[in-house]
Amino acid sequence: MGDDDPRTMEMEVLGAMYTDEELTFDDVFRVTIRLLVDGLSGNSSGEQVPVHVTCTLPDGYPNINASFSTACDQIRREQNDCMIESLTANLPEDNQVTFALDWIRDNAASYFGLMEPAVLKKNVAMKTVKGFMREWCSFVGLYKGYGAGVSGVDRFEVITGLACKRGLNITGMGIAGKPGGLVAEGEESDVAEFMRLMRTEFFQHVSTHSKKLTTRLQEHWPLDVENERFEAAEVMARLQKDVYRAADRADEKKKFKAGERERLEQQEAGDKARLEAWKVANNNRELTDAEIEALMAAGPPAKCTTKGVYFKCGCEEPPTLEEVNARRCFQDFTILPNIEEGHALPPDLKTFSKICKDGGLMNGFHDTFDYRFS
């Protein structure tokens, strides 16, 4: 490709305009620039806000427009979409990247939407509450990605911004290393939106082969508790109806298809084991016949339309935000460990394990990290 290729020329201009700390080449014709933008007018602090702009020049540029995406703690998703739409509508025929950077530097502040604490509290109070949720995930790798010897933006800063500065109230922890991990907790809709942002906006800052964030475990309250009660009732109902044909199996004269007797025995043993585990977890509680009948008639809690069957789920009033927040085991959102720039050190599993053990979270810890040593 000749030196007069417009993409090459535009990349050369960027290389001359920005320092190595400001400019990261993600690919030959894909670049991320770290801009510092003045805050809203009237901001007495005088602090500048970092905006990371990713530009991609496609084959056929400039006849085919460049594409742009931005990441900034003070620009919410809806505002970001509006900003990119306005930028795209104003793109010139040539020098689109340099134009876009100047345009964003001049206009980004008008899209800032970082809410004041009082406004944030008001919006949170108005939010429809579903329940508490905690999600455990594993990364292919999680690194800081900014500084000497490491390309890309500060990914720890990006994750923390998504968790704490987008109107979401996420607590939990990111675990750096290869592989890495993540545990996020909060109100169900907040966690769902945070995980969506992780798989969209955060993925803009990692290479293709690292775009794998696998959910290992999801915990819901009070839905999980009520699901387990419903499943225990299902087992009891099957036992009462003798769906495992225990009476027939005890009669040696009864004939079964090949392997059917063994299959029924295994199903019965498995269901009885799950029922016993539920009883032990619930202080050897026994379900009454009336309770079993009511649960079977109502169906699973998520689809229940009968009042008075389940606790704060289905058609019942959901828990309050205060009740949801009381389920949290983390006080804030942090990244573990605080590794030095440019080094991919494994996470301090002993420290993280202690946090999980103290908070009664060992199931999630093991589900997330057992694969590390497999």
Protein backbone atom coordinates (compact mmCIF):
# COMPACT_ATOMS: atom_id res chain seq x y z
CA MET A 1 0.00 0.00 0.00
CA GLY A 2 1.54 3.28 -1.11
CA ASP A 3 2.60 6.12 1.12
CA ASP A 4 -0.07 8.29 -0.52
CA ASP A 5 -2.83 6.08 0.89
CA PRO A 6 -5.13 8.46 2.81
CA ARG A 7 -5.31 6.08 5.79
CA THR A 8 -1.54 5.92 6.10
CA MET A 9 -1.24 9.68 5.81
CA GLU A 10 -3.86 10.25 8.51
CA MET A 11 -2.14 7.80 10.87
CA GLU A 12 1.18 9.57 10.32
CA VAL A 13 -0.43 12.89 11.22
CA LEU A 14 -1.77 11.43 14.45
CA GLY A 15 1.65 10.01 15.31
CA ALA A 16 3.12 13.49 14.98
CA MET A 17 0.34 15.16 17.01
CA TYR A 18 0.14 12.88 20.06
CA THR A 19 2.62 11.28 22.46
CA ASP A 20 2.99 7.55 23.03
CA GLU A 21 1.01 7.88 26.27
CA GLU A 22 -1.87 9.58 24.45
CA LEU A 23 -1.88 7.40 21.34
CA THR A 24 -2.31 3.61 21.08
CA PHE A 25 -2.34 1.69 17.80
CA ASP A 26 -4.77 -1.19 18.32
CA ASP A 27 -4.29 -2.29 14.71
CA VAL A 28 -2.74 -0.86 11.54
CA PHE A 29 -5.72 1.41 10.92
CA ARG A 30 -7.37 1.35 14.35
CA VAL A 31 -6.18 3.79 16.98
CA THR A 32 -7.24 4.98 20.43
CA ILE A 33 -6.48 8.55 21.52
CA ARG A 34 -6.71 9.80 25.08
CA LEU A 35 -8.10 13.34 25.00
CA LEU A 36 -8.37 15.73 27.93
CA VAL A 37 -11.59 17.72 27.68
CA ASP A 38 -12.57 20.76 29.72
CA GLY A 39 -15.47 20.10 32.09
CA LEU A 40 -18.83 21.78 32.10
CA SER A 41 -18.85 25.55 32.19
CA GLY A 42 -19.12 26.77 35.74
CA ASN A 43 -17.05 23.90 37.05
CA SER A 44 -14.90 25.65 39.62
CA SER A 45 -12.48 22.75 40.02
CA GLY A 46 -10.91 23.41 36.63
CA GLU A 47 -10.23 19.68 36.20
CA GLN A 48 -10.07 18.18 32.75
CA VAL A 49 -11.95 14.97 31.93
CA PRO A 50 -10.28 12.09 30.02
CA VAL A 51 -12.17 10.87 26.96
CA HIS A 52 -10.84 7.82 25.12
CA VAL A 53 -11.68 7.95 21.41
CA THR A 54 -11.26 4.86 19.24
CA CYS A 55 -11.08 5.49 15.48
CA THR A 56 -11.19 2.84 12.75
CA LEU A 57 -10.37 3.59 9.11
CA PRO A 58 -12.02 0.96 6.85
CA ASP A 59 -10.97 -0.20 3.41
CA GLY A 60 -12.18 2.38 0.94
CA TYR A 61 -11.62 5.34 3.29
CA PRO A 62 -12.46 8.22 2.85
CA ASN A 63 -15.22 7.15 0.41
CA ILE A 64 -16.37 4.98 3.32
CA ASN A 65 -16.50 7.01 6.53
CA ALA A 66 -14.31 6.31 9.51
CA SER A 67 -16.07 4.87 12.56
CA PHE A 68 -15.71 6.25 16.08
CA SER A 69 -16.48 5.17 19.62
CA THR A 70 -15.81 6.91 22.92
CA ALA A 71 -15.46 5.95 26.56
CA CYS A 72 -15.83 8.53 29.31
CA ASP A 73 -17.04 8.26 32.91
CA GLN A 74 -19.12 11.42 32.53
CA ILE A 75 -20.94 10.44 29.33
CA ARG A 76 -23.79 7.97 29.78
CA ARG A 77 -24.72 5.48 27.08
CA GLU A 78 -27.68 7.44 25.69
CA GLN A 79 -25.64 10.66 25.58
CA ASN A 80 -22.74 8.84 23.96
CA ASP A 81 -25.00 7.55 21.18
CA CYS A 82 -26.29 11.07 20.55
CA MET A 83 -22.77 12.49 20.47
CA ILE A 84 -21.50 9.90 17.95
CA GLU A 85 -24.60 10.46 15.80
CA SER A 86 -23.96 14.22 15.73
CA LEU A 87 -20.27 13.71 14.99
CA THR A 88 -21.00 11.34 12.10
CA ALA A 89 -23.45 13.82 10.59
CA ASN A 90 -20.76 16.51 10.54
CA LEU A 91 -17.83 14.50 9.17
CA PRO A 92 -16.03 16.09 6.21
CA GLU A 93 -14.85 14.18 3.14
CA ASP A 94 -11.18 14.22 4.16
CA ASN A 95 -9.11 14.29 7.36
CA GLN A 96 -12.00 12.77 9.28
CA VAL A 97 -9.97 11.60 12.29
CA THR A 98 -8.34 14.93 13.06
CA PHE A 99 -11.69 16.67 12.50
CA ALA A 100 -13.43 14.20 14.85
CA LEU A 101 -10.88 14.69 17.61
CA ASP A 102 -11.22 18.46 17.44
CA TRP A 103 -15.01 18.14 17.34
CA ILE A 104 -15.09 15.87 20.39
CA ARG A 105 -12.70 18.13 22.29
CA ASP A 106 -15.00 21.09 21.61
CA ASN A 107 -18.37 19.38 22.11
CA ALA A 108 -17.97 16.48 24.53
CA ALA A 109 -18.66 18.60 27.63
CA SER A 110 -22.18 19.33 26.41
CA TYR A 111 -22.91 15.59 26.64
CA PHE A 112 -21.55 15.16 30.14
CA GLY A 113 -24.16 13.64 32.43
CA LEU A 114 -22.42 12.88 35.71
CA MET A 115 -25.25 13.30 38.24
CA GLU A 116 -24.91 15.04 41.54
CA PRO A 117 -25.34 12.76 44.58
CA ALA A 118 -28.78 14.19 45.44
CA VAL A 119 -30.03 13.62 41.88
CA LEU A 120 -28.50 10.15 41.80
CA LYS A 121 -30.24 9.18 45.04
CA LYS A 122 -33.54 10.45 43.65
CA ASN A 123 -33.16 8.40 40.47
CA VAL A 124 -32.16 5.29 42.40
CA ALA A 125 -35.19 5.67 44.65
CA MET A 126 -37.43 5.81 41.58
CA LYS A 127 -35.90 2.66 40.09
CA THR A 128 -38.07 -0.46 39.79
CA VAL A 129 -36.54 -2.98 42.16
CA LYS A 130 -36.47 -6.67 41.25
CA GLY A 131 -34.13 -8.12 43.84
CA PHE A 132 -30.51 -8.70 44.74
CA MET A 133 -28.11 -10.26 42.25
CA ARG A 134 -24.47 -11.34 42.39
CA GLU A 135 -22.63 -12.53 39.28
CA TRP A 136 -19.27 -14.35 39.15
CA CYS A 137 -17.28 -14.26 35.91
CA SER A 138 -13.90 -15.21 34.52
CA PHE A 139 -11.76 -13.30 32.00
CA VAL A 140 -9.27 -14.77 29.57
CA GLY A 141 -6.99 -12.11 31.04
CA LEU A 142 -7.38 -8.83 32.88
CA TYR A 143 -4.59 -6.26 32.83
CA LYS A 144 -4.29 -2.58 33.52
CA GLY A 145 -3.36 -1.90 29.92
CA TYR A 146 -1.85 1.54 30.40
CA GLY A 147 1.67 2.66 31.07
CA ALA A 148 5.20 1.64 30.19
CA GLY A 149 5.31 -1.46 28.01
CA VAL A 150 1.53 -1.99 28.00
CA SER A 151 -0.79 -0.78 25.26
CA GLY A 152 -4.32 0.50 25.60
CA VAL A 153 -6.27 2.55 28.09
CA ASP A 154 -6.28 1.94 31.83
CA ARG A 155 -8.76 -0.96 31.88
CA PHE A 156 -8.99 -0.93 35.67
CA GLU A 157 -10.17 2.68 35.40
CA VAL A 158 -12.71 1.74 32.72
CA ILE A 159 -14.23 -1.10 34.78
CA THR A 160 -14.37 1.00 37.94
CA GLY A 161 -16.02 3.83 36.01
CA LEU A 162 -18.70 1.50 34.62
CA ALA A 163 -19.39 0.14 38.11
CA CYS A 164 -19.48 3.42 40.02
CA LYS A 165 -19.97 6.39 37.69
CA ARG A 166 -22.76 5.45 35.33
CA GLY A 167 -25.68 5.75 37.71
CA LEU A 168 -25.23 2.11 38.76
CA ASN A 169 -24.58 1.02 42.33
CA ILE A 170 -22.24 -1.94 41.79
CA THR A 171 -20.05 -3.37 44.52
CA GLY A 172 -17.66 -6.26 44.16
CA MET A 173 -14.19 -6.86 42.82
CA GLY A 174 -12.16 -7.33 39.66
CA ILE A 175 -9.32 -9.84 39.93
CA ALA A 176 -6.33 -9.12 37.70
CA GLY A 177 -4.26 -11.81 36.04
CA LYS A 178 -4.37 -14.43 33.33
CA PRO A 179 -7.02 -15.66 33.68
CA GLY A 180 -8.75 -12.91 35.61
CA GLY A 181 -12.08 -12.70 37.35
CA LEU A 182 -14.96 -10.49 38.33
CA VAL A 183 -17.68 -10.51 40.97
CA ALA A 184 -20.40 -7.85 40.73
CA GLU A 185 -23.34 -7.42 43.09
CA GLY A 186 -26.27 -5.06 43.53
CA GLU A 187 -29.86 -4.57 42.42
CA GLU A 188 -30.66 -7.00 39.61
CA SER A 189 -31.21 -4.42 36.87
CA ASP A 190 -27.97 -2.62 37.83
CA VAL A 191 -25.94 -5.82 37.58
CA ALA A 192 -27.56 -6.74 34.25
CA GLU A 193 -26.73 -3.28 32.82
CA PHE A 194 -23.18 -3.41 34.20
CA MET A 195 -22.55 -6.78 32.56
CA ARG A 196 -23.96 -5.43 29.28
CA LEU A 197 -21.56 -2.48 29.47
CA MET A 198 -18.68 -4.85 30.23
CA ARG A 199 -19.43 -6.84 27.08
CA THR A 200 -19.83 -3.74 24.90
CA GLU A 201 -17.96 -0.64 26.07
CA PHE A 202 -15.23 -2.46 28.00
CA PHE A 203 -14.62 -4.83 25.08
CA GLN A 204 -13.70 -1.81 22.96
CA HIS A 205 -10.45 -1.69 24.93
CA VAL A 206 -9.31 -5.32 24.68
CA SER A 207 -7.96 -7.34 21.78
CA THR A 208 -10.20 -9.75 19.89
CA HIS A 209 -8.76 -12.90 21.47
CA SER A 210 -9.37 -11.47 24.97
CA LYS A 211 -13.06 -10.68 24.43
CA LYS A 212 -14.29 -13.55 26.53
CA LEU A 213 -16.08 -12.85 29.79
CA THR A 214 -17.72 -16.06 31.00
CA THR A 215 -20.42 -16.11 33.66
CA ARG A 216 -19.63 -18.90 36.12
CA LEU A 217 -22.39 -18.36 38.65
CA GLN A 218 -25.41 -16.10 39.17
CA GLU A 219 -27.01 -15.63 42.57
CA HIS A 220 -30.47 -14.08 43.01
CA TRP A 221 -32.28 -13.17 46.19
CA PRO A 222 -35.02 -13.95 47.05
CA LEU A 223 -35.63 -15.79 43.76
CA ASP A 224 -33.02 -18.53 44.35
CA VAL A 225 -34.45 -19.37 47.79
CA GLU A 226 -37.98 -19.67 46.46
CA ASN A 227 -36.86 -21.63 43.38
CA GLU A 228 -35.19 -24.15 45.67
CA ARG A 229 -38.38 -24.47 47.75
CA PHE A 230 -40.42 -25.03 44.58
CA GLU A 231 -37.95 -27.66 43.34
CA ALA A 232 -38.10 -29.44 46.71
CA ALA A 233 -41.88 -29.51 46.41
CA GLU A 234 -41.58 -30.96 42.90
CA VAL A 235 -39.46 -33.83 44.23
CA MET A 236 -41.94 -34.47 47.05
CA ALA A 237 -44.83 -34.51 44.57
CA ARG A 238 -43.00 -37.00 42.34
CA LEU A 239 -42.28 -39.23 45.33
CA GLN A 240 -45.93 -39.11 46.41
CA LYS A 241 -47.08 -40.07 42.90
CA ASP A 242 -44.44 -42.81 42.68
CA VAL A 243 -43.27 -41.56 39.29
CA TYR A 244 -40.09 -43.59 39.84
CA ARG A 245 -42.23 -46.76 40.02
CA ALA A 246 -40.68 -47.86 43.29
CA ALA A 247 -43.55 -50.31 43.91
CA ASP A 248 -43.08 -51.91 40.51
CA ARG A 249 -39.31 -52.09 40.96
CA ALA A 250 -39.83 -53.97 44.24
CA ASP A 251 -41.91 -56.59 42.37
CA GLU A 252 -39.52 -58.97 40.67
CA LYS A 253 -42.29 -60.15 38.34
CA LYS A 254 -42.68 -56.70 36.81
CA LYS A 255 -40.88 -56.32 33.53
CA PHE A 256 -39.10 -53.15 32.40
CA LYS A 257 -37.52 -52.09 29.15
CA ALA A 258 -33.78 -52.58 28.95
CA GLY A 259 -32.06 -50.07 31.28
CA GLU A 260 -35.33 -48.49 32.48
CA ARG A 261 -35.19 -49.97 35.98
CA GLU A 262 -31.65 -48.58 36.47
CA ARG A 263 -32.67 -45.20 35.04
CA LEU A 264 -35.58 -44.88 37.45
CA GLU A 265 -33.39 -45.89 40.39
CA GLN A 266 -30.82 -43.24 39.47
CA GLN A 267 -33.49 -40.56 39.07
CA GLU A 268 -35.03 -41.39 42.43
CA ALA A 269 -31.67 -41.44 44.20
CA GLY A 270 -30.66 -38.11 42.66
CA ASP A 271 -33.94 -36.40 43.55
CA LYS A 272 -33.85 -37.74 47.10
CA ALA A 273 -30.29 -36.45 47.51
CA ARG A 274 -31.31 -32.96 46.32
CA LEU A 275 -34.32 -33.00 48.65
CA GLU A 276 -32.17 -34.02 51.60
CA ALA A 277 -29.65 -31.26 50.80
CA TRP A 278 -32.49 -28.72 50.75
CA LYS A 279 -33.77 -29.96 54.11
CA VAL A 280 -30.31 -29.74 55.69
CA ALA A 281 -29.84 -26.21 54.32
CA ASN A 282 -33.22 -25.25 55.83
CA ASN A 283 -32.78 -26.71 59.34
CA ASN A 284 -34.39 -30.06 58.44
CA ARG A 285 -37.60 -28.39 57.39
CA GLU A 286 -40.45 -30.59 56.12
CA LEU A 287 -42.91 -29.45 53.45
CA THR A 288 -46.56 -30.08 54.35
CA ASP A 289 -48.99 -31.64 51.87
CA ALA A 290 -50.91 -28.36 51.71
CA GLU A 291 -47.72 -26.41 50.92
CA ILE A 292 -46.71 -28.87 48.21
CA GLU A 293 -50.15 -28.60 46.61
CA ALA A 294 -50.07 -24.79 46.72
CA LEU A 295 -46.57 -24.64 45.19
CA MET A 296 -47.43 -27.09 42.39
CA ALA A 297 -50.57 -25.12 41.57
CA ALA A 298 -48.71 -21.78 41.52
CA GLY A 299 -45.79 -22.97 39.41
CA PRO A 300 -42.23 -21.55 39.51
CA PRO A 301 -41.87 -18.27 41.44
CA ALA A 302 -40.80 -16.18 38.44
CA LYS A 303 -44.09 -17.01 36.68
CA CYS A 304 -46.39 -17.17 39.70
CA THR A 305 -49.58 -15.09 39.53
CA THR A 306 -51.08 -16.35 42.81
CA LYS A 307 -50.68 -14.11 45.84
CA GLY A 308 -49.45 -15.47 49.15
CA VAL A 309 -47.33 -18.35 47.83
CA TYR A 310 -43.83 -16.90 47.50
CA PHE A 311 -41.73 -14.39 49.42
CA LYS A 312 -41.15 -11.08 47.61
CA CYS A 313 -40.99 -12.54 44.10
CA GLY A 314 -43.37 -13.52 41.32
CA CYS A 315 -46.50 -11.40 41.72
CA GLU A 316 -45.52 -10.30 45.25
CA GLU A 317 -44.08 -6.90 46.13
CA PRO A 318 -40.29 -7.06 45.52
CA PRO A 319 -37.76 -6.32 48.26
CA THR A 320 -36.88 -2.69 48.99
CA LEU A 321 -33.54 -1.15 48.05
CA GLU A 322 -32.61 -1.22 51.74
CA GLU A 323 -33.24 -4.98 51.83
CA VAL A 324 -31.26 -5.44 48.61
CA ASN A 325 -28.31 -3.43 49.95
CA ALA A 326 -28.32 -5.48 53.15
CA ARG A 327 -27.41 -8.55 51.06
CA ARG A 328 -24.13 -7.03 49.84
CA CYS A 329 -20.86 -8.61 50.98
CA PHE A 330 -18.62 -5.92 49.42
CA GLN A 331 -18.60 -2.29 50.56
CA ASP A 332 -17.33 -0.86 47.28
CA PHE A 333 -15.84 -1.88 43.95
CA THR A 334 -12.10 -2.48 43.75
CA ILE A 335 -9.49 -4.22 41.60
CA LEU A 336 -7.27 -6.87 43.19
CA PRO A 337 -4.32 -6.78 43.23
CA ASN A 338 -2.92 -3.29 42.74
CA ILE A 339 -0.30 -4.54 40.28
CA GLU A 340 2.53 -2.43 38.95
CA GLU A 341 2.08 -0.96 35.51
CA GLY A 342 3.39 -3.20 32.78
CA HIS A 343 3.28 -6.44 34.78
CA ALA A 344 0.71 -9.21 34.59
CA LEU A 345 1.01 -10.70 38.06
CA PRO A 346 -1.41 -13.43 39.16
CA PRO A 347 -4.06 -12.30 41.63
CA ASP A 348 -3.51 -12.71 45.34
CA LEU A 349 -5.85 -15.65 45.66
CA LYS A 350 -5.28 -16.04 49.39
CA THR A 351 -6.48 -12.50 50.06
CA PHE A 352 -9.46 -12.88 47.75
CA SER A 353 -10.27 -16.31 49.19
CA LYS A 354 -10.32 -14.84 52.72
CA ILE A 355 -12.73 -12.09 51.60
CA CYS A 356 -15.03 -14.70 50.07
CA LYS A 357 -14.83 -17.01 53.08
CA ASP A 358 -15.57 -14.20 55.52
CA GLY A 359 -18.56 -13.16 53.42
CA GLY A 360 -19.89 -16.69 52.91
CA LEU A 361 -19.09 -16.59 49.19
CA MET A 362 -16.93 -19.66 48.70
CA ASN A 363 -19.22 -21.37 46.17
CA GLY A 364 -18.83 -18.46 43.77
CA PHE A 365 -15.10 -18.29 44.40
CA HIS A 366 -14.59 -21.97 43.58
CA ASP A 367 -16.91 -21.91 40.55
CA THR A 368 -14.95 -18.98 39.14
CA PHE A 369 -11.39 -20.13 39.84
CA ASP A 370 -11.30 -23.93 39.90
CA TYR A 371 -10.75 -23.84 36.14
CA ARG A 372 -7.55 -21.84 36.69
CA PHE A 373 -5.76 -25.02 37.71
CA SER A 374 -7.61 -27.50 35.48
